[in-house]
Amino acid sequence: MKSITQIQAEHDTKNLISSFISVIGLGQLSRRINFKRHSTIPLTAIITWLFEVTFSRRSLYRAQPSQLFSSRTVRNVLNDGRINWQKLLCLVTIKMTSILTPFIDKRRRLALIVDDTLIE
């Protein structure tokens, strides 16, 4: 019975990640951050896999391998100096604030805090 719940939770997580990526429009944003690869692997597939690995509390080395690419491919993409990751983060933030603004009371200030500290 536990395995069924775990499989359902993993399926729900994958659905949430894919819907988040489609709402943000990561496919269009990848062109704006200078993502140009000679392979057929899209950036959305790599980032989706990274989100799945992160939310399953695994590292790149202990994660389930993808059918499309290896973890070495992911490391190469993350270390690619031509990709402007800071611009991607800013574009995603702009998109998220534009989506969330109608749901926030006008009397409140809008703030998005991203904490990337290494403290557990």
PDB file of N, CA and C in Angstrom:
ATOM      1  N   MET A   1       0.813  -1.195   0.000  1.00  0.00           N
ATOM      2  CA  MET A   1       0.000   0.000   0.000  1.00  0.00           C
ATOM      3  C   MET A   1       0.855   1.257   0.000  1.00  0.00           C
ATOM      4  N   LYS A   2       2.006   1.232   0.693  1.00  0.00           N
ATOM      5  CA  LYS A   2       2.859   2.410   0.718  1.00  0.00           C
ATOM      6  C   LYS A   2       3.449   2.714  -0.645  1.00  0.00           C
ATOM      7  N   SER A   3       3.784   1.691  -1.389  1.00  0.00           N
ATOM      8  CA  SER A   3       4.396   1.934  -2.690  1.00  0.00           C
ATOM      9  C   SER A   3       3.413   2.616  -3.643  1.00  0.00           C
ATOM     10  N   ILE A   4       2.145   2.316  -3.520  1.00  0.00           N
ATOM     11  CA  ILE A   4       1.144   2.955  -4.373  1.00  0.00           C
ATOM     12  C   ILE A   4       1.076   4.450  -4.056  1.00  0.00           C
ATOM     13  N   THR A   5       1.098   4.799  -2.762  1.00  0.00           N
ATOM     14  CA  THR A   5       1.058   6.205  -2.392  1.00  0.00           C
ATOM     15  C   THR A   5       2.315   6.918  -2.866  1.00  0.00           C
ATOM     16  N   GLN A   6       3.451   6.262  -2.770  1.00  0.00           N
ATOM     17  CA  GLN A   6       4.690   6.880  -3.207  1.00  0.00           C
ATOM     18  C   GLN A   6       4.679   7.105  -4.713  1.00  0.00           C
ATOM     19  N   ILE A   7       4.203   6.140  -5.460  1.00  0.00           N
ATOM     20  CA  ILE A   7       4.121   6.292  -6.911  1.00  0.00           C
ATOM     21  C   ILE A   7       3.164   7.425  -7.263  1.00  0.00           C
ATOM     22  N   GLN A   8       2.050   7.512  -6.549  1.00  0.00           N
ATOM     23  CA  GLN A   8       1.090   8.581  -6.798  1.00  0.00           C
ATOM     24  C   GLN A   8       1.706   9.940  -6.470  1.00  0.00           C
ATOM     25  N   ALA A   9       2.468  10.012  -5.380  1.00  0.00           N
ATOM     26  CA  ALA A   9       3.113  11.273  -5.007  1.00  0.00           C
ATOM     27  C   ALA A   9       4.143  11.687  -6.054  1.00  0.00           C
ATOM     28  N   GLU A  10       4.913  10.729  -6.575  1.00  0.00           N
ATOM     29  CA  GLU A  10       5.887  11.040  -7.618  1.00  0.00           C
ATOM     30  C   GLU A  10       5.188  11.511  -8.881  1.00  0.00           C
ATOM     31  N   HIS A  11       4.064  10.891  -9.213  1.00  0.00           N
ATOM     32  CA  HIS A  11       3.305  11.294 -10.399  1.00  0.00           C
ATOM     33  C   HIS A  11       2.747  12.705 -10.225  1.00  0.00           C
ATOM     34  N   ASP A  12       2.240  13.012  -9.023  1.00  0.00           N
ATOM     35  CA  ASP A  12       1.730  14.354  -8.749  1.00  0.00           C
ATOM     36  C   ASP A  12       2.839  15.397  -8.835  1.00  0.00           C
ATOM     37  N   THR A  13       4.025  15.047  -8.330  1.00  0.00           N
ATOM     38  CA  THR A  13       5.149  15.970  -8.386  1.00  0.00           C
ATOM     39  C   THR A  13       5.546  16.248  -9.827  1.00  0.00           C
ATOM     40  N   LYS A  14       5.578  15.213 -10.652  1.00  0.00           N
ATOM     41  CA  LYS A  14       5.917  15.404 -12.062  1.00  0.00           C
ATOM     42  C   LYS A  14       4.885  16.274 -12.766  1.00  0.00           C
ATOM     43  N   ASN A  15       3.611  16.093 -12.440  1.00  0.00           N
ATOM     44  CA  ASN A  15       2.560  16.935 -13.033  1.00  0.00           C
ATOM     45  C   ASN A  15       2.701  18.394 -12.608  1.00  0.00           C
ATOM     46  N   LEU A  16       3.024  18.631 -11.336  1.00  0.00           N
ATOM     47  CA  LEU A  16       3.208  20.002 -10.858  1.00  0.00           C
ATOM     48  C   LEU A  16       4.399  20.668 -11.532  1.00  0.00           C
ATOM     49  N   ILE A  17       5.479  19.928 -11.677  1.00  0.00           N
ATOM     50  CA  ILE A  17       6.672  20.492 -12.303  1.00  0.00           C
ATOM     51  C   ILE A  17       6.403  20.818 -13.764  1.00  0.00           C
ATOM     52  N   SER A  18       5.763  19.906 -14.478  1.00  0.00           N
ATOM     53  CA  SER A  18       5.487  20.160 -15.901  1.00  0.00           C
ATOM     54  C   SER A  18       4.503  21.313 -16.086  1.00  0.00           C
ATOM     55  N   SER A  19       3.518  21.436 -15.200  1.00  0.00           N
ATOM     56  CA  SER A  19       2.590  22.556 -15.327  1.00  0.00           C
ATOM     57  C   SER A  19       3.273  23.880 -14.978  1.00  0.00           C
ATOM     58  N   PHE A  20       4.179  23.875 -13.993  1.00  0.00           N
ATOM     59  CA  PHE A  20       4.927  25.086 -13.661  1.00  0.00           C
ATOM     60  C   PHE A  20       5.782  25.528 -14.843  1.00  0.00           C
ATOM     61  N   ILE A  21       6.469  24.592 -15.478  1.00  0.00           N
ATOM     62  CA  ILE A  21       7.339  24.922 -16.609  1.00  0.00           C
ATOM     63  C   ILE A  21       6.524  25.425 -17.796  1.00  0.00           C
ATOM     64  N   SER A  22       5.341  24.875 -17.996  1.00  0.00           N
ATOM     65  CA  SER A  22       4.520  25.358 -19.107  1.00  0.00           C
ATOM     66  C   SER A  22       3.919  26.734 -18.807  1.00  0.00           C
ATOM     67  N   VAL A  23       3.556  26.993 -17.549  1.00  0.00           N
ATOM     68  CA  VAL A  23       3.012  28.304 -17.183  1.00  0.00           C
ATOM     69  C   VAL A  23       4.083  29.381 -17.300  1.00  0.00           C
ATOM     70  N   ILE A  24       5.285  29.065 -16.864  1.00  0.00           N
ATOM     71  CA  ILE A  24       6.387  30.024 -16.940  1.00  0.00           C
ATOM     72  C   ILE A  24       6.796  30.259 -18.389  1.00  0.00           C
ATOM     73  N   GLY A  25       6.638  29.263 -19.229  1.00  0.00           N
ATOM     74  CA  GLY A  25       7.032  29.393 -20.627  1.00  0.00           C
ATOM     75  C   GLY A  25       8.536  29.244 -20.810  1.00  0.00           C
ATOM     76  N   LEU A  26       9.077  28.195 -20.220  1.00  0.00           N
ATOM     77  CA  LEU A  26      10.520  27.992 -20.248  1.00  0.00           C
ATOM     78  C   LEU A  26      11.053  27.762 -21.655  1.00  0.00           C
ATOM     79  N   GLY A  27      10.226  27.235 -22.536  1.00  0.00           N
ATOM     80  CA  GLY A  27      10.658  27.026 -23.914  1.00  0.00           C
ATOM     81  C   GLY A  27      11.014  28.323 -24.614  1.00  0.00           C
ATOM     82  N   GLN A  28      10.192  29.353 -24.414  1.00  0.00           N
ATOM     83  CA  GLN A  28      10.482  30.651 -25.016  1.00  0.00           C
ATOM     84  C   GLN A  28      11.631  31.356 -24.306  1.00  0.00           C
ATOM     85  N   LEU A  29      11.742  31.148 -22.994  1.00  0.00           N
ATOM     86  CA  LEU A  29      12.810  31.793 -22.241  1.00  0.00           C
ATOM     87  C   LEU A  29      14.175  31.211 -22.578  1.00  0.00           C
ATOM     88  N   SER A  30      14.206  29.949 -22.990  1.00  0.00           N
ATOM     89  CA  SER A  30      15.502  29.324 -23.286  1.00  0.00           C
ATOM     90  C   SER A  30      16.186  29.984 -24.479  1.00  0.00           C
ATOM     91  N   ARG A  31      15.415  30.516 -25.400  1.00  0.00           N
ATOM     92  CA  ARG A  31      16.019  31.225 -26.530  1.00  0.00           C
ATOM     93  C   ARG A  31      16.611  32.558 -26.104  1.00  0.00           C
ATOM     94  N   ARG A  32      16.018  33.163 -25.090  1.00  0.00           N
ATOM     95  CA  ARG A  32      16.467  34.487 -24.650  1.00  0.00           C
ATOM     96  C   ARG A  32      17.704  34.434 -23.763  1.00  0.00           C
ATOM     97  N   ILE A  33      18.062  33.239 -23.249  1.00  0.00           N
ATOM     98  CA  ILE A  33      19.236  33.129 -22.380  1.00  0.00           C
ATOM     99  C   ILE A  33      20.422  32.521 -23.105  1.00  0.00           C
ATOM    100  N   ASN A  34      20.356  32.470 -24.429  1.00  0.00           N
ATOM    101  CA  ASN A  34      21.457  31.998 -25.266  1.00  0.00           C
ATOM    102  C   ASN A  34      21.677  30.490 -25.119  1.00  0.00           C
ATOM    103  N   PHE A  35      20.609  29.713 -25.026  1.00  0.00           N
ATOM    104  CA  PHE A  35      20.731  28.257 -24.969  1.00  0.00           C
ATOM    105  C   PHE A  35      20.720  27.733 -26.395  1.00  0.00           C
ATOM    106  N   LYS A  36      21.885  27.367 -26.861  1.00  0.00           N
ATOM    107  CA  LYS A  36      22.017  26.809 -28.207  1.00  0.00           C
ATOM    108  C   LYS A  36      22.813  25.524 -28.108  1.00  0.00           C
ATOM    109  N   ARG A  37      22.173  24.427 -28.411  1.00  0.00           N
ATOM    110  CA  ARG A  37      22.841  23.128 -28.351  1.00  0.00           C
ATOM    111  C   ARG A  37      22.754  22.480 -29.719  1.00  0.00           C
ATOM    112  N   HIS A  38      23.752  21.664 -29.992  1.00  0.00           N
ATOM    113  CA  HIS A  38      23.745  20.926 -31.245  1.00  0.00           C
ATOM    114  C   HIS A  38      22.953  19.623 -31.126  1.00  0.00           C
ATOM    115  N   SER A  39      22.624  19.236 -29.906  1.00  0.00           N
ATOM    116  CA  SER A  39      21.857  18.011 -29.708  1.00  0.00           C
ATOM    117  C   SER A  39      20.357  18.312 -29.761  1.00  0.00           C
ATOM    118  N   THR A  40      19.572  17.272 -29.703  1.00  0.00           N
ATOM    119  CA  THR A  40      18.120  17.423 -29.793  1.00  0.00           C
ATOM    120  C   THR A  40      17.456  17.511 -28.421  1.00  0.00           C
ATOM    121  N   ILE A  41      18.242  17.590 -27.359  1.00  0.00           N
ATOM    122  CA  ILE A  41      17.686  17.625 -26.005  1.00  0.00           C
ATOM    123  C   ILE A  41      17.295  19.058 -25.658  1.00  0.00           C
ATOM    124  N   PRO A  42      16.027  19.315 -25.377  1.00  0.00           N
ATOM    125  CA  PRO A  42      15.615  20.688 -25.038  1.00  0.00           C
ATOM    126  C   PRO A  42      15.963  21.039 -23.593  1.00  0.00           C
ATOM    127  N   LEU A  43      16.088  22.311 -23.328  1.00  0.00           N
ATOM    128  CA  LEU A  43      16.393  22.788 -21.980  1.00  0.00           C
ATOM    129  C   LEU A  43      15.262  22.451 -21.016  1.00  0.00           C
ATOM    130  N   THR A  44      14.043  22.435 -21.497  1.00  0.00           N
ATOM    131  CA  THR A  44      12.913  22.110 -20.619  1.00  0.00           C
ATOM    132  C   THR A  44      13.026  20.696 -20.069  1.00  0.00           C
ATOM    133  N   ALA A  45      13.512  19.768 -20.865  1.00  0.00           N
ATOM    134  CA  ALA A  45      13.677  18.385 -20.385  1.00  0.00           C
ATOM    135  C   ALA A  45      14.752  18.316 -19.313  1.00  0.00           C
ATOM    136  N   ILE A  46      15.821  19.056 -19.491  1.00  0.00           N
ATOM    137  CA  ILE A  46      16.906  19.036 -18.513  1.00  0.00           C
ATOM    138  C   ILE A  46      16.463  19.679 -17.202  1.00  0.00           C
ATOM    139  N   ILE A  47      15.791  20.810 -17.285  1.00  0.00           N
ATOM    140  CA  ILE A  47      15.359  21.493 -16.059  1.00  0.00           C
ATOM    141  C   ILE A  47      14.239  20.718 -15.366  1.00  0.00           C
ATOM    142  N   THR A  48      13.370  20.089 -16.136  1.00  0.00           N
ATOM    143  CA  THR A  48      12.340  19.239 -15.534  1.00  0.00           C
ATOM    144  C   THR A  48      12.984  18.112 -14.747  1.00  0.00           C
ATOM    145  N   TRP A  49      13.991  17.473 -15.329  1.00  0.00           N
ATOM    146  CA  TRP A  49      14.690  16.388 -14.646  1.00  0.00           C
ATOM    147  C   TRP A  49      15.392  16.901 -13.396  1.00  0.00           C
ATOM    148  N   LEU A  50      15.990  18.099 -13.473  1.00  0.00           N
ATOM    149  CA  LEU A  50      16.653  18.681 -12.301  1.00  0.00           C
ATOM    150  C   LEU A  50      15.661  18.959 -11.174  1.00  0.00           C
ATOM    151  N   PHE A  51      14.481  19.470 -11.511  1.00  0.00           N
ATOM    152  CA  PHE A  51      13.449  19.686 -10.499  1.00  0.00           C
ATOM    153  C   PHE A  51      13.012  18.370  -9.869  1.00  0.00           C
ATOM    154  N   GLU A  52      12.822  17.353 -10.686  1.00  0.00           N
ATOM    155  CA  GLU A  52      12.423  16.045 -10.154  1.00  0.00           C
ATOM    156  C   GLU A  52      13.479  15.486  -9.217  1.00  0.00           C
ATOM    157  N   VAL A  53      14.735  15.636  -9.577  1.00  0.00           N
ATOM    158  CA  VAL A  53      15.828  15.161  -8.725  1.00  0.00           C
ATOM    159  C   VAL A  53      15.856  15.939  -7.421  1.00  0.00           C
ATOM    160  N   THR A  54      15.690  17.245  -7.503  1.00  0.00           N
ATOM    161  CA  THR A  54      15.733  18.085  -6.309  1.00  0.00           C
ATOM    162  C   THR A  54      14.592  17.758  -5.361  1.00  0.00           C
ATOM    163  N   PHE A  55      13.383  17.611  -5.882  1.00  0.00           N
ATOM    164  CA  PHE A  55      12.235  17.343  -5.024  1.00  0.00           C
ATOM    165  C   PHE A  55      12.160  15.904  -4.548  1.00  0.00           C
ATOM    166  N   SER A  56      12.941  15.019  -5.147  1.00  0.00           N
ATOM    167  CA  SER A  56      13.019  13.657  -4.626  1.00  0.00           C
ATOM    168  C   SER A  56      14.186  13.510  -3.651  1.00  0.00           C
ATOM    169  N   ARG A  57      14.856  14.630  -3.341  1.00  0.00           N
ATOM    170  CA  ARG A  57      15.949  14.708  -2.368  1.00  0.00           C
ATOM    171  C   ARG A  57      17.120  13.804  -2.741  1.00  0.00           C
ATOM    172  N   ARG A  58      17.505  13.876  -3.987  1.00  0.00           N
ATOM    173  CA  ARG A  58      18.666  13.126  -4.458  1.00  0.00           C
ATOM    174  C   ARG A  58      19.658  14.093  -5.088  1.00  0.00           C
ATOM    175  N   SER A  59      20.891  13.643  -5.207  1.00  0.00           N
ATOM    176  CA  SER A  59      21.902  14.434  -5.892  1.00  0.00           C
ATOM    177  C   SER A  59      21.960  13.993  -7.349  1.00  0.00           C
ATOM    178  N   LEU A  60      22.774  14.681  -8.126  1.00  0.00           N
ATOM    179  CA  LEU A  60      22.920  14.300  -9.533  1.00  0.00           C
ATOM    180  C   LEU A  60      23.510  12.901  -9.680  1.00  0.00           C
ATOM    181  N   TYR A  61      24.318  12.510  -8.722  1.00  0.00           N
ATOM    182  CA  TYR A  61      24.990  11.219  -8.817  1.00  0.00           C
ATOM    183  C   TYR A  61      24.096  10.052  -8.405  1.00  0.00           C
ATOM    184  N   ARG A  62      23.136  10.299  -7.531  1.00  0.00           N
ATOM    185  CA  ARG A  62      22.277   9.221  -7.039  1.00  0.00           C
ATOM    186  C   ARG A  62      20.883   9.239  -7.665  1.00  0.00           C
ATOM    187  N   ALA A  63      20.675  10.111  -8.606  1.00  0.00           N
ATOM    188  CA  ALA A  63      19.349  10.256  -9.222  1.00  0.00           C
ATOM    189  C   ALA A  63      19.102   9.149 -10.237  1.00  0.00           C
ATOM    190  N   GLN A  64      17.827   8.909 -10.502  1.00  0.00           N
ATOM    191  CA  GLN A  64      17.453   7.964 -11.548  1.00  0.00           C
ATOM    192  C   GLN A  64      17.849   8.553 -12.890  1.00  0.00           C
ATOM    193  N   PRO A  65      18.523   7.799 -13.721  1.00  0.00           N
ATOM    194  CA  PRO A  65      18.932   8.366 -15.019  1.00  0.00           C
ATOM    195  C   PRO A  65      17.725   8.612 -15.927  1.00  0.00           C
ATOM    196  N   SER A  66      17.849   9.622 -16.718  1.00  0.00           N
ATOM    197  CA  SER A  66      16.798   9.938 -17.670  1.00  0.00           C
ATOM    198  C   SER A  66      16.949   9.058 -18.908  1.00  0.00           C
ATOM    199  N   GLN A  67      15.863   8.880 -19.634  1.00  0.00           N
ATOM    200  CA  GLN A  67      15.919   8.088 -20.858  1.00  0.00           C
ATOM    201  C   GLN A  67      16.515   8.900 -22.011  1.00  0.00           C
ATOM    202  N   LEU A  68      16.475  10.224 -21.905  1.00  0.00           N
ATOM    203  CA  LEU A  68      16.946  11.079 -22.992  1.00  0.00           C
ATOM    204  C   LEU A  68      18.419  11.439 -22.899  1.00  0.00           C
ATOM    205  N   PHE A  69      18.960  11.522 -21.662  1.00  0.00           N
ATOM    206  CA  PHE A  69      20.319  12.012 -21.478  1.00  0.00           C
ATOM    207  C   PHE A  69      20.905  11.449 -20.195  1.00  0.00           C
ATOM    208  N   SER A  70      22.196  11.652 -20.019  1.00  0.00           N
ATOM    209  CA  SER A  70      22.873  11.199 -18.813  1.00  0.00           C
ATOM    210  C   SER A  70      23.097  12.374 -17.865  1.00  0.00           C
ATOM    211  N   SER A  71      23.556  12.067 -16.661  1.00  0.00           N
ATOM    212  CA  SER A  71      23.832  13.148 -15.710  1.00  0.00           C
ATOM    213  C   SER A  71      25.041  13.961 -16.158  1.00  0.00           C
ATOM    214  N   ARG A  72      25.908  13.376 -16.958  1.00  0.00           N
ATOM    215  CA  ARG A  72      27.042  14.129 -17.504  1.00  0.00           C
ATOM    216  C   ARG A  72      26.553  15.237 -18.441  1.00  0.00           C
ATOM    217  N   THR A  73      25.514  14.944 -19.217  1.00  0.00           N
ATOM    218  CA  THR A  73      24.928  15.961 -20.091  1.00  0.00           C
ATOM    219  C   THR A  73      24.382  17.121 -19.272  1.00  0.00           C
ATOM    220  N   VAL A  74      23.738  16.805 -18.163  1.00  0.00           N
ATOM    221  CA  VAL A  74      23.188  17.845 -17.293  1.00  0.00           C
ATOM    222  C   VAL A  74      24.309  18.695 -16.716  1.00  0.00           C
ATOM    223  N   ARG A  75      25.376  18.052 -16.247  1.00  0.00           N
ATOM    224  CA  ARG A  75      26.506  18.803 -15.713  1.00  0.00           C
ATOM    225  C   ARG A  75      27.144  19.682 -16.779  1.00  0.00           C
ATOM    226  N   ASN A  76      27.236  19.187 -18.001  1.00  0.00           N
ATOM    227  CA  ASN A  76      27.797  19.997 -19.084  1.00  0.00           C
ATOM    228  C   ASN A  76      26.935  21.224 -19.378  1.00  0.00           C
ATOM    229  N   VAL A  77      25.622  21.041 -19.357  1.00  0.00           N
ATOM    230  CA  VAL A  77      24.718  22.176 -19.596  1.00  0.00           C
ATOM    231  C   VAL A  77      24.809  23.178 -18.449  1.00  0.00           C
ATOM    232  N   LEU A  78      24.871  22.693 -17.212  1.00  0.00           N
ATOM    233  CA  LEU A  78      24.963  23.603 -16.071  1.00  0.00           C
ATOM    234  C   LEU A  78      26.282  24.371 -16.051  1.00  0.00           C
ATOM    235  N   ASN A  79      27.332  23.769 -16.575  1.00  0.00           N
ATOM    236  CA  ASN A  79      28.643  24.424 -16.588  1.00  0.00           C
ATOM    237  C   ASN A  79      28.919  25.197 -17.873  1.00  0.00           C
ATOM    238  N   ASP A  80      27.968  25.243 -18.782  1.00  0.00           N
ATOM    239  CA  ASP A  80      28.160  25.947 -20.045  1.00  0.00           C
ATOM    240  C   ASP A  80      28.214  27.451 -19.779  1.00  0.00           C
ATOM    241  N   GLY A  81      29.324  28.062 -20.119  1.00  0.00           N
ATOM    242  CA  GLY A  81      29.515  29.484 -19.857  1.00  0.00           C
ATOM    243  C   GLY A  81      28.741  30.393 -20.781  1.00  0.00           C
ATOM    244  N   ARG A  82      28.225  29.848 -21.889  1.00  0.00           N
ATOM    245  CA  ARG A  82      27.471  30.684 -22.828  1.00  0.00           C
ATOM    246  C   ARG A  82      26.041  30.919 -22.375  1.00  0.00           C
ATOM    247  N   ILE A  83      25.539  30.075 -21.485  1.00  0.00           N
ATOM    248  CA  ILE A  83      24.155  30.207 -21.016  1.00  0.00           C
ATOM    249  C   ILE A  83      24.115  31.226 -19.876  1.00  0.00           C
ATOM    250  N   ASN A  84      23.237  32.189 -19.988  1.00  0.00           N
ATOM    251  CA  ASN A  84      23.105  33.245 -18.991  1.00  0.00           C
ATOM    252  C   ASN A  84      22.066  32.817 -17.946  1.00  0.00           C
ATOM    253  N   TRP A  85      22.531  32.115 -16.904  1.00  0.00           N
ATOM    254  CA  TRP A  85      21.629  31.572 -15.890  1.00  0.00           C
ATOM    255  C   TRP A  85      21.015  32.678 -15.042  1.00  0.00           C
ATOM    256  N   GLN A  86      21.756  33.748 -14.813  1.00  0.00           N
ATOM    257  CA  GLN A  86      21.216  34.860 -14.026  1.00  0.00           C
ATOM    258  C   GLN A  86      20.054  35.522 -14.765  1.00  0.00           C
ATOM    259  N   LYS A  87      20.166  35.641 -16.069  1.00  0.00           N
ATOM    260  CA  LYS A  87      19.079  36.209 -16.865  1.00  0.00           C
ATOM    261  C   LYS A  87      17.861  35.299 -16.824  1.00  0.00           C
ATOM    262  N   LEU A  88      18.083  33.972 -16.846  1.00  0.00           N
ATOM    263  CA  LEU A  88      16.966  33.031 -16.743  1.00  0.00           C
ATOM    264  C   LEU A  88      16.241  33.208 -15.418  1.00  0.00           C
ATOM    265  N   LEU A  89      16.994  33.331 -14.339  1.00  0.00           N
ATOM    266  CA  LEU A  89      16.383  33.521 -13.029  1.00  0.00           C
ATOM    267  C   LEU A  89      15.579  34.817 -12.973  1.00  0.00           C
ATOM    268  N   CYS A  90      16.119  35.866 -13.561  1.00  0.00           N
ATOM    269  CA  CYS A  90      15.398  37.144 -13.589  1.00  0.00           C
ATOM    270  C   CYS A  90      14.136  37.067 -14.443  1.00  0.00           C
ATOM    271  N   LEU A  91      14.213  36.405 -15.599  1.00  0.00           N
ATOM    272  CA  LEU A  91      13.035  36.273 -16.466  1.00  0.00           C
ATOM    273  C   LEU A  91      11.950  35.419 -15.823  1.00  0.00           C
ATOM    274  N   VAL A  92      12.346  34.360 -15.131  1.00  0.00           N
ATOM    275  CA  VAL A  92      11.362  33.523 -14.424  1.00  0.00           C
ATOM    276  C   VAL A  92      10.725  34.322 -13.300  1.00  0.00           C
ATOM    277  N   THR A  93      11.511  35.120 -12.607  1.00  0.00           N
ATOM    278  CA  THR A  93      10.978  35.947 -11.526  1.00  0.00           C
ATOM    279  C   THR A  93       9.981  36.971 -12.057  1.00  0.00           C
ATOM    280  N   ILE A  94      10.311  37.601 -13.169  1.00  0.00           N
ATOM    281  CA  ILE A  94       9.391  38.571 -13.781  1.00  0.00           C
ATOM    282  C   ILE A  94       8.085  37.889 -14.174  1.00  0.00           C
ATOM    283  N   LYS A  95       8.192  36.712 -14.765  1.00  0.00           N
ATOM    284  CA  LYS A  95       6.993  35.978 -15.182  1.00  0.00           C
ATOM    285  C   LYS A  95       6.151  35.567 -13.972  1.00  0.00           C
ATOM    286  N   MET A  96       6.816  35.101 -12.911  1.00  0.00           N
ATOM    287  CA  MET A  96       6.085  34.687 -11.711  1.00  0.00           C
ATOM    288  C   MET A  96       5.376  35.864 -11.055  1.00  0.00           C
ATOM    289  N   THR A  97       6.044  37.011 -10.969  1.00  0.00           N
ATOM    290  CA  THR A  97       5.391  38.169 -10.351  1.00  0.00           C
ATOM    291  C   THR A  97       4.223  38.657 -11.186  1.00  0.00           C
ATOM    292  N   SER A  98       4.343  38.579 -12.504  1.00  0.00           N
ATOM    293  CA  SER A  98       3.208  39.002 -13.337  1.00  0.00           C
ATOM    294  C   SER A  98       2.034  38.046 -13.202  1.00  0.00           C
ATOM    295  N   ILE A  99       2.305  36.785 -12.943  1.00  0.00           N
ATOM    296  CA  ILE A  99       1.224  35.819 -12.756  1.00  0.00           C
ATOM    297  C   ILE A  99       0.590  35.975 -11.375  1.00  0.00           C
ATOM    298  N   LEU A 100       1.409  36.235 -10.349  1.00  0.00           N
ATOM    299  CA  LEU A 100       0.913  36.295  -8.977  1.00  0.00           C
ATOM    300  C   LEU A 100       0.324  37.646  -8.583  1.00  0.00           C
ATOM    301  N   THR A 101       0.622  38.717  -9.315  1.00  0.00           N
ATOM    302  CA  THR A 101       0.165  40.058  -8.958  1.00  0.00           C
ATOM    303  C   THR A 101      -1.359  40.181  -8.825  1.00  0.00           C
ATOM    304  N   PRO A 102      -2.166  39.586  -9.708  1.00  0.00           N
ATOM    305  CA  PRO A 102      -3.618  39.732  -9.527  1.00  0.00           C
ATOM    306  C   PRO A 102      -4.168  39.078  -8.257  1.00  0.00           C
ATOM    307  N   PHE A 103      -3.425  38.152  -7.666  1.00  0.00           N
ATOM    308  CA  PHE A 103      -3.914  37.448  -6.486  1.00  0.00           C
ATOM    309  C   PHE A 103      -3.479  38.092  -5.175  1.00  0.00           C
ATOM    310  N   ILE A 104      -2.680  39.153  -5.251  1.00  0.00           N
ATOM    311  CA  ILE A 104      -2.160  39.808  -4.053  1.00  0.00           C
ATOM    312  C   ILE A 104      -2.949  41.091  -3.816  1.00  0.00           C
ATOM    313  N   ASP A 105      -3.289  41.324  -2.563  1.00  0.00           N
ATOM    314  CA  ASP A 105      -4.033  42.519  -2.182  1.00  0.00           C
ATOM    315  C   ASP A 105      -3.244  43.771  -2.556  1.00  0.00           C
ATOM    316  N   LYS A 106      -3.926  44.769  -3.089  1.00  0.00           N
ATOM    317  CA  LYS A 106      -3.274  45.992  -3.560  1.00  0.00           C
ATOM    318  C   LYS A 106      -2.636  46.791  -2.431  1.00  0.00           C
ATOM    319  N   ARG A 107      -3.103  46.585  -1.197  1.00  0.00           N
ATOM    320  CA  ARG A 107      -2.555  47.333  -0.069  1.00  0.00           C
ATOM    321  C   ARG A 107      -1.223  46.772   0.412  1.00  0.00           C
ATOM    322  N   ARG A 108      -0.839  45.603  -0.072  1.00  0.00           N
ATOM    323  CA  ARG A 108       0.419  44.972   0.350  1.00  0.00           C
ATOM    324  C   ARG A 108       1.515  45.221  -0.670  1.00  0.00           C
ATOM    325  N   ARG A 109       2.745  45.185  -0.199  1.00  0.00           N
ATOM    326  CA  ARG A 109       3.891  45.291  -1.092  1.00  0.00           C
ATOM    327  C   ARG A 109       4.227  43.913  -1.629  1.00  0.00           C
ATOM    328  N   LEU A 110       4.670  43.902  -2.861  1.00  0.00           N
ATOM    329  CA  LEU A 110       5.013  42.644  -3.508  1.00  0.00           C
ATOM    330  C   LEU A 110       6.507  42.382  -3.351  1.00  0.00           C
ATOM    331  N   ALA A 111       6.855  41.213  -2.807  1.00  0.00           N
ATOM    332  CA  ALA A 111       8.260  40.839  -2.641  1.00  0.00           C
ATOM    333  C   ALA A 111       8.400  39.350  -2.910  1.00  0.00           C
ATOM    334  N   LEU A 112       9.429  38.992  -3.621  1.00  0.00           N
ATOM    335  CA  LEU A 112       9.751  37.590  -3.873  1.00  0.00           C
ATOM    336  C   LEU A 112      11.144  37.350  -3.326  1.00  0.00           C
ATOM    337  N   ILE A 113      11.236  36.460  -2.362  1.00  0.00           N
ATOM    338  CA  ILE A 113      12.513  36.199  -1.703  1.00  0.00           C
ATOM    339  C   ILE A 113      13.005  34.826  -2.134  1.00  0.00           C
ATOM    340  N   VAL A 114      14.212  34.790  -2.692  1.00  0.00           N
ATOM    341  CA  VAL A 114      14.850  33.538  -3.074  1.00  0.00           C
ATOM    342  C   VAL A 114      16.045  33.350  -2.167  1.00  0.00           C
ATOM    343  N   ASP A 115      16.006  32.303  -1.373  1.00  0.00           N
ATOM    344  CA  ASP A 115      17.078  32.040  -0.427  1.00  0.00           C
ATOM    345  C   ASP A 115      17.925  30.895  -0.944  1.00  0.00           C
ATOM    346  N   ASP A 116      19.191  31.158  -1.197  1.00  0.00           N
ATOM    347  CA  ASP A 116      20.064  30.115  -1.727  1.00  0.00           C
ATOM    348  C   ASP A 116      21.220  29.808  -0.782  1.00  0.00           C
ATOM    349  N   THR A 117      20.974  29.957   0.517  1.00  0.00           N
ATOM    350  CA  THR A 117      22.026  29.648   1.476  1.00  0.00           C
ATOM    351  C   THR A 117      22.250  28.150   1.543  1.00  0.00           C
ATOM    352  N   LEU A 118      23.416  27.772   2.010  1.00  0.00           N
ATOM    353  CA  LEU A 118      23.781  26.362   2.079  1.00  0.00           C
ATOM    354  C   LEU A 118      23.481  25.735   3.428  1.00  0.00           C
ATOM    355  N   ILE A 119      22.899  26.496   4.343  1.00  0.00           N
ATOM    356  CA  ILE A 119      22.559  25.971   5.659  1.00  0.00           C
ATOM    357  C   ILE A 119      21.347  25.074   5.541  1.00  0.00           C
ATOM    358  N   GLU A 120      21.414  23.894   6.155  1.00  0.00           N
ATOM    359  CA  GLU A 120      20.292  22.945   6.069  1.00  0.00           C
ATOM    360  C   GLU A 120      19.108  23.431   6.872  1.00  0.00           C
TER     361      GLU A 120
END
